[in-house]
Amino acid sequence: MSRIAQDIILRPVITENSMDGIADRKYTFEVAKDANKIEIAKAVEELFGVKVSKVNTCLLYTSD
């Protein structure tokens, strides 16, 4: 099943910590829960026209 980039990259994360990473050219996005690192890298490259060198992921649990 092939998904489009907009289904993988949901929205940017705007926090003080993520803004500090922009100086180092590190960007933070909320992504689909079932997306893997390869899919995330391809989606970012397609949406923003950049070359992704590394993808880091983490799971955040909210109290929703």
C-alpha atoms as a PDB file:
ATOM      1  CA  MET A   1       0.000   0.000   0.000  1.00  0.00           C
ATOM      2  CA  SER A   2       1.566   3.241  -1.156  1.00  0.00           C
ATOM      3  CA  ARG A   3       0.775   6.449   0.701  1.00  0.00           C
ATOM      4  CA  ILE A   4       1.342  10.027  -0.335  1.00  0.00           C
ATOM      5  CA  ALA A   5       3.763  12.214   1.614  1.00  0.00           C
ATOM      6  CA  GLN A   6       0.959  14.256   3.186  1.00  0.00           C
ATOM      7  CA  ASP A   7      -0.395  11.075   4.805  1.00  0.00           C
ATOM      8  CA  ILE A   8       2.961  10.432   6.489  1.00  0.00           C
ATOM      9  CA  ILE A   9       4.053  13.927   7.578  1.00  0.00           C
ATOM     10  CA  LEU A  10       1.127  15.230   9.624  1.00  0.00           C
ATOM     11  CA  ARG A  11       2.421  18.565  10.980  1.00  0.00           C
ATOM     12  CA  PRO A  12       5.515  20.306  12.345  1.00  0.00           C
ATOM     13  CA  VAL A  13       6.144  20.290  16.070  1.00  0.00           C
ATOM     14  CA  ILE A  14       6.620  23.814  17.426  1.00  0.00           C
ATOM     15  CA  THR A  15       8.260  23.764  20.843  1.00  0.00           C
ATOM     16  CA  GLU A  16      11.183  25.596  22.399  1.00  0.00           C
ATOM     17  CA  ASN A  17      13.302  22.464  22.105  1.00  0.00           C
ATOM     18  CA  SER A  18      12.432  21.886  18.444  1.00  0.00           C
ATOM     19  CA  MET A  19      13.187  25.544  17.633  1.00  0.00           C
ATOM     20  CA  ASP A  20      16.681  25.114  19.106  1.00  0.00           C
ATOM     21  CA  GLY A  21      17.277  22.257  16.657  1.00  0.00           C
ATOM     22  CA  ILE A  22      16.620  24.444  13.615  1.00  0.00           C
ATOM     23  CA  ALA A  23      20.021  26.111  14.082  1.00  0.00           C
ATOM     24  CA  ASP A  24      21.567  22.651  13.578  1.00  0.00           C
ATOM     25  CA  ARG A  25      19.250  21.977  10.601  1.00  0.00           C
ATOM     26  CA  LYS A  26      17.244  19.417  12.601  1.00  0.00           C
ATOM     27  CA  TYR A  27      13.496  19.579  12.135  1.00  0.00           C
ATOM     28  CA  THR A  28      10.713  17.968  14.144  1.00  0.00           C
ATOM     29  CA  PHE A  29       7.477  16.623  12.674  1.00  0.00           C
ATOM     30  CA  GLU A  30       4.537  14.629  13.912  1.00  0.00           C
ATOM     31  CA  VAL A  31       4.214  11.637  11.611  1.00  0.00           C
ATOM     32  CA  ALA A  32       1.824   8.742  11.079  1.00  0.00           C
ATOM     33  CA  LYS A  33       2.184   6.197  13.849  1.00  0.00           C
ATOM     34  CA  ASP A  34       2.725   3.285  11.451  1.00  0.00           C
ATOM     35  CA  ALA A  35       5.317   5.074   9.250  1.00  0.00           C
ATOM     36  CA  ASN A  36       8.868   3.731   9.247  1.00  0.00           C
ATOM     37  CA  LYS A  37      12.103   5.721   8.905  1.00  0.00           C
ATOM     38  CA  ILE A  38      12.443   5.071   5.175  1.00  0.00           C
ATOM     39  CA  GLU A  39       8.903   6.310   4.495  1.00  0.00           C
ATOM     40  CA  ILE A  40       9.481   9.395   6.651  1.00  0.00           C
ATOM     41  CA  ALA A  41      12.725  10.264   4.838  1.00  0.00           C
ATOM     42  CA  LYS A  42      11.130   9.876   1.397  1.00  0.00           C
ATOM     43  CA  ALA A  43       8.123  11.979   2.434  1.00  0.00           C
ATOM     44  CA  VAL A  44      10.315  14.833   3.719  1.00  0.00           C
ATOM     45  CA  GLU A  45      12.437  14.727   0.558  1.00  0.00           C
ATOM     46  CA  GLU A  46       9.321  14.831  -1.625  1.00  0.00           C
ATOM     47  CA  LEU A  47       7.560  17.616   0.294  1.00  0.00           C
ATOM     48  CA  PHE A  48      10.503  19.928   0.886  1.00  0.00           C
ATOM     49  CA  GLY A  49      12.949  19.080  -1.920  1.00  0.00           C
ATOM     50  CA  VAL A  50      15.853  18.326   0.404  1.00  0.00           C
ATOM     51  CA  LYS A  51      18.216  15.401   0.977  1.00  0.00           C
ATOM     52  CA  VAL A  52      17.581  13.646   4.302  1.00  0.00           C
ATOM     53  CA  SER A  53      20.730  12.291   5.922  1.00  0.00           C
ATOM     54  CA  LYS A  54      19.235  10.813   9.099  1.00  0.00           C
ATOM     55  CA  VAL A  55      15.851  10.175  10.713  1.00  0.00           C
ATOM     56  CA  ASN A  56      15.333   9.864  14.461  1.00  0.00           C
ATOM     57  CA  THR A  57      11.992   8.740  15.857  1.00  0.00           C
ATOM     58  CA  CYS A  58      10.425   8.604  19.298  1.00  0.00           C
ATOM     59  CA  LEU A  59       7.013   7.698  20.657  1.00  0.00           C
ATOM     60  CA  LEU A  60       5.248  10.309  22.761  1.00  0.00           C
ATOM     61  CA  TYR A  61       2.283   9.411  24.873  1.00  0.00           C
ATOM     62  CA  THR A  62      -0.195  12.168  25.647  1.00  0.00           C
ATOM     63  CA  SER A  63      -2.998  12.326  28.152  1.00  0.00           C
ATOM     64  CA  ASP A  64      -5.714  12.757  25.494  1.00  0.00           C
END
